[in-house]
Amino acid sequence: MWMRSSNECWGSEMKRAVTGSLAMFFGLCVIVCNIAEAQANTAKSVPSVFEPDDQNRGFEEAKHPSDVVLDALLKTPEAVKIHDELSHRDRESLRSLFEVVRVDLGESGEKGFVALGQGPMTGADCFWFWIVRASKGKAEVLLFSNGLSLSLRKQMTNHYRNIEVDWATAAFIGSRLYRYNGSVYQLDKELTKENK
C-alpha cells in the first residue's frame, strides 16, 4: 500500500512538473513571438531602401518636410539653381515639392531624413535624393545625389551609415558609394558600365 501511494504521489508531482514546464515553454514562445513582431514592425517603420519606381518603396509613410528641413532643402544648390521657377510659389506649395521619411543614420542619435524631390526638384532620368540631419531646431543637408534608388547600408564610417545610390541613363548604369567624413557625405567609389 505504501509503495502504491508513493508512486501515485510521485506520478501526480511529475504531471504537475510537466504541465508547469509546458506552460512556461508556451509562455516563452508567446514572448519571443511578440518581440519578433515588434522588431519586424520597427524595421517596417524605419526603412533603409528607397526606390520610388518600385511602388514608391521606402516612401510609403512619407510626409512633407517640417519648416527647418524645408529651409535646409531650399538652400541647396539644386533649389538655388531654379530659384526663378520657385520664387512665385507660397510656402505650402514649396513644401509639397518634397517627401521626407525619418531614418536611422547611425549612432549619432540625431534625427535623420531621406528627402525625395518632386518636379521641378527632380531630374529627367533619375530622382533627386537628399540626406538631411536635424538637431536642436536646425537642419542641414549632408548629401545630395540623383539616382533610381538609395540604400542606407549597415556598414558605418565615423558613426554614420554608408549610403549607396544606384542610377541609370539611356547609355550607362552605375552605382555610387558615399561615406560620412565627419561633417558631410563624400563620394568614395563609383562604378559605371554601359547600359546594353
Protein backbone atom coordinates (compact mmCIF):
# COMPACT_ATOMS: atom_id res chain seq x y z
CA MET A 1 0.00 0.00 0.00
CA TRP A 2 2.83 2.37 0.94
CA MET A 3 4.57 1.77 -2.43
CA ARG A 4 1.40 2.41 -4.33
CA SER A 5 0.78 5.70 -2.53
CA SER A 6 4.36 6.84 -3.14
CA ASN A 7 4.09 6.02 -6.84
CA GLU A 8 0.77 7.84 -7.05
CA CYS A 9 2.27 10.89 -5.30
CA TRP A 10 5.36 10.81 -7.48
CA GLY A 11 3.14 10.45 -10.59
CA SER A 12 0.99 13.46 -9.71
CA GLU A 13 4.10 15.56 -8.89
CA MET A 14 5.57 14.55 -12.25
CA LYS A 15 2.36 15.55 -14.03
CA ARG A 16 2.43 18.95 -12.30
CA ALA A 17 6.09 19.47 -13.21
CA VAL A 18 5.48 18.54 -16.87
CA THR A 19 2.37 20.74 -17.01
CA GLY A 20 4.28 23.63 -15.43
CA SER A 21 7.18 23.19 -17.86
CA LEU A 22 4.82 23.14 -20.83
CA ALA A 23 3.04 26.26 -19.61
CA MET A 24 6.39 28.01 -19.18
CA PHE A 25 7.52 26.86 -22.64
CA PHE A 26 4.36 28.17 -24.32
CA GLY A 27 4.61 31.42 -22.35
CA LEU A 28 8.18 31.92 -23.59
CA CYS A 29 7.06 31.16 -27.15
CA VAL A 30 4.43 33.90 -26.91
CA ILE A 31 7.01 36.39 -25.57
CA VAL A 32 9.53 35.53 -28.31
CA CYS A 33 6.84 35.88 -31.00
CA ASN A 34 5.78 39.26 -29.60
CA ILE A 35 9.38 40.51 -29.58
CA ALA A 36 9.93 39.30 -33.16
CA GLU A 37 6.72 41.00 -34.29
CA ALA A 38 7.71 44.26 -32.56
CA GLN A 39 11.12 44.16 -34.25
CA ALA A 40 9.51 43.48 -37.62
CA ASN A 41 7.15 46.43 -37.11
CA THR A 42 10.08 48.67 -36.12
CA ALA A 43 12.01 47.56 -39.20
CA LYS A 44 8.97 48.38 -41.35
CA SER A 45 8.58 51.84 -39.81
CA VAL A 46 12.24 52.80 -40.40
CA PRO A 47 13.06 51.87 -43.99
CA SER A 48 16.61 51.65 -45.31
CA VAL A 49 15.95 51.16 -49.05
CA PHE A 50 14.27 53.87 -51.14
CA GLU A 51 13.19 53.07 -54.68
CA PRO A 52 10.33 55.25 -55.97
CA ASP A 53 9.92 53.22 -59.19
CA ASP A 54 9.24 50.07 -57.13
CA GLN A 55 5.76 51.00 -55.85
CA ASN A 56 7.25 54.02 -54.06
CA ARG A 57 9.33 51.66 -51.87
CA GLY A 58 10.57 53.34 -48.70
CA PHE A 59 8.29 56.34 -49.16
CA GLU A 60 5.00 54.63 -48.27
CA GLU A 61 4.83 56.59 -44.99
CA ALA A 62 6.40 59.78 -46.37
CA LYS A 63 5.33 63.22 -45.16
CA HIS A 64 6.09 66.73 -46.28
CA PRO A 65 9.09 68.32 -44.52
CA SER A 66 8.97 70.37 -41.35
CA ASP A 67 9.91 74.06 -41.58
CA VAL A 68 13.56 73.52 -40.60
CA VAL A 69 14.02 70.63 -43.05
CA LEU A 70 12.29 72.60 -45.81
CA ASP A 71 14.54 75.61 -45.17
CA ALA A 72 17.64 73.40 -45.49
CA LEU A 73 16.37 71.87 -48.75
CA LEU A 74 15.58 75.28 -50.25
CA LYS A 75 19.16 76.45 -49.58
CA THR A 76 20.71 73.62 -51.62
CA PRO A 77 22.44 74.38 -54.95
CA GLU A 78 19.68 72.40 -56.72
CA ALA A 79 16.98 74.76 -55.39
CA VAL A 80 19.08 77.90 -55.86
CA LYS A 81 19.67 76.96 -59.50
CA ILE A 82 15.91 77.06 -60.21
CA HIS A 83 15.17 79.98 -57.87
CA ASP A 84 13.21 81.87 -60.55
CA GLU A 85 10.92 78.88 -61.04
CA LEU A 86 10.34 78.51 -57.29
CA SER A 87 10.09 82.19 -56.30
CA HIS A 88 6.39 82.59 -57.19
CA ARG A 89 5.31 79.64 -55.01
CA ASP A 90 3.93 80.02 -51.49
CA ARG A 91 5.40 78.11 -48.55
CA GLU A 92 2.94 75.19 -48.69
CA SER A 93 3.47 74.80 -52.42
CA LEU A 94 7.23 74.63 -51.82
CA ARG A 95 6.70 72.10 -49.02
CA SER A 96 4.72 69.86 -51.41
CA LEU A 97 7.80 69.58 -53.67
CA PHE A 98 9.38 67.16 -51.17
CA GLU A 99 8.53 63.89 -49.47
CA VAL A 100 10.58 63.01 -46.39
CA VAL A 101 10.99 59.86 -44.35
CA ARG A 102 12.62 59.65 -40.93
CA VAL A 103 15.61 57.29 -40.99
CA ASP A 104 18.33 55.93 -38.74
CA LEU A 105 21.63 57.39 -39.99
CA GLY A 106 23.71 55.51 -37.42
CA GLU A 107 24.96 56.04 -33.91
CA SER A 108 24.65 59.83 -33.78
CA GLY A 109 21.27 59.90 -32.02
CA GLU A 110 20.23 62.83 -34.23
CA LYS A 111 17.16 62.89 -36.44
CA GLY A 112 17.88 61.89 -40.00
CA PHE A 113 15.69 62.14 -43.08
CA VAL A 114 15.73 60.96 -46.67
CA ALA A 115 14.05 63.56 -48.88
CA LEU A 116 12.72 62.90 -52.37
CA GLY A 117 12.11 65.80 -54.74
CA GLN A 118 9.06 66.26 -56.96
CA GLY A 119 9.02 68.31 -60.17
CA PRO A 120 10.74 70.68 -60.70
CA MET A 121 13.02 69.42 -57.87
CA THR A 122 13.86 66.21 -59.73
CA GLY A 123 15.73 65.04 -62.80
CA ALA A 124 14.66 63.73 -66.19
CA ASP A 125 16.34 60.31 -65.93
CA CYS A 126 16.80 59.94 -62.17
CA PHE A 127 15.20 61.01 -58.92
CA TRP A 128 16.78 63.60 -56.63
CA PHE A 129 17.55 62.42 -53.10
CA TRP A 130 18.85 64.39 -50.11
CA ILE A 131 20.04 63.19 -46.71
CA VAL A 132 19.13 65.75 -44.05
CA ARG A 133 20.16 65.85 -40.39
CA ALA A 134 18.08 67.83 -37.88
CA SER A 135 19.22 68.75 -34.39
CA LYS A 136 18.35 71.47 -31.88
CA GLY A 137 15.90 73.26 -34.18
CA LYS A 138 18.27 73.36 -37.15
CA ALA A 139 18.69 71.13 -40.19
CA GLU A 140 21.48 70.63 -42.67
CA VAL A 141 21.84 68.67 -45.87
CA LEU A 142 24.57 66.05 -45.62
CA LEU A 143 24.20 64.62 -49.14
CA PHE A 144 22.56 65.25 -52.49
CA SER A 145 22.56 62.52 -55.12
CA ASN A 146 20.49 61.74 -58.15
CA GLY A 147 19.60 58.12 -58.84
CA LEU A 148 16.96 55.43 -59.16
CA SER A 149 17.38 54.07 -55.64
CA LEU A 150 19.14 54.93 -52.39
CA SER A 151 20.17 52.42 -49.71
CA LEU A 152 21.37 53.04 -46.16
CA ARG A 153 23.91 50.28 -45.62
CA LYS A 154 24.73 48.57 -42.33
CA GLN A 155 28.44 49.42 -42.58
CA MET A 156 29.38 52.74 -40.97
CA THR A 157 32.06 55.39 -41.30
CA ASN A 158 32.51 57.91 -38.46
CA HIS A 159 29.36 56.55 -36.76
CA TYR A 160 27.14 57.20 -39.82
CA ARG A 161 25.80 54.56 -42.18
CA ASN A 162 27.36 54.34 -45.62
CA ILE A 163 24.99 55.20 -48.46
CA GLU A 164 24.72 53.57 -51.87
CA VAL A 165 22.90 55.18 -54.80
CA ASP A 166 22.14 53.25 -58.00
CA TRP A 167 21.48 55.23 -61.17
CA ALA A 168 20.94 54.74 -64.89
CA THR A 169 20.67 56.69 -68.13
CA ALA A 170 19.95 55.51 -71.64
CA ALA A 171 23.69 54.89 -72.18
CA PHE A 172 25.08 53.91 -68.76
CA ILE A 173 24.20 52.31 -65.42
CA GLY A 174 26.14 52.79 -62.23
CA SER A 175 26.43 52.79 -58.50
CA ARG A 176 27.94 55.34 -56.08
CA LEU A 177 29.11 54.71 -52.53
CA TYR A 178 29.16 57.64 -50.10
CA ARG A 179 30.86 57.74 -46.69
CA TYR A 180 30.47 60.31 -43.92
CA ASN A 181 33.70 62.30 -43.44
CA GLY A 182 32.80 63.88 -40.09
CA SER A 183 30.73 66.74 -41.49
CA VAL A 184 29.10 65.63 -44.79
CA TYR A 185 28.86 62.60 -47.05
CA GLN A 186 31.51 62.35 -49.76
CA LEU A 187 31.74 60.13 -52.81
CA ASP A 188 34.01 57.19 -52.01
CA LYS A 189 33.56 54.94 -55.08
CA GLU A 190 31.68 54.97 -58.34
CA LEU A 191 31.16 52.04 -60.69
CA THR A 192 29.85 52.70 -64.20
CA LYS A 193 29.18 50.38 -67.11
CA GLU A 194 27.50 50.56 -70.47
CA ASN A 195 23.74 50.07 -70.46
CA LYS A 196 23.18 47.30 -73.02
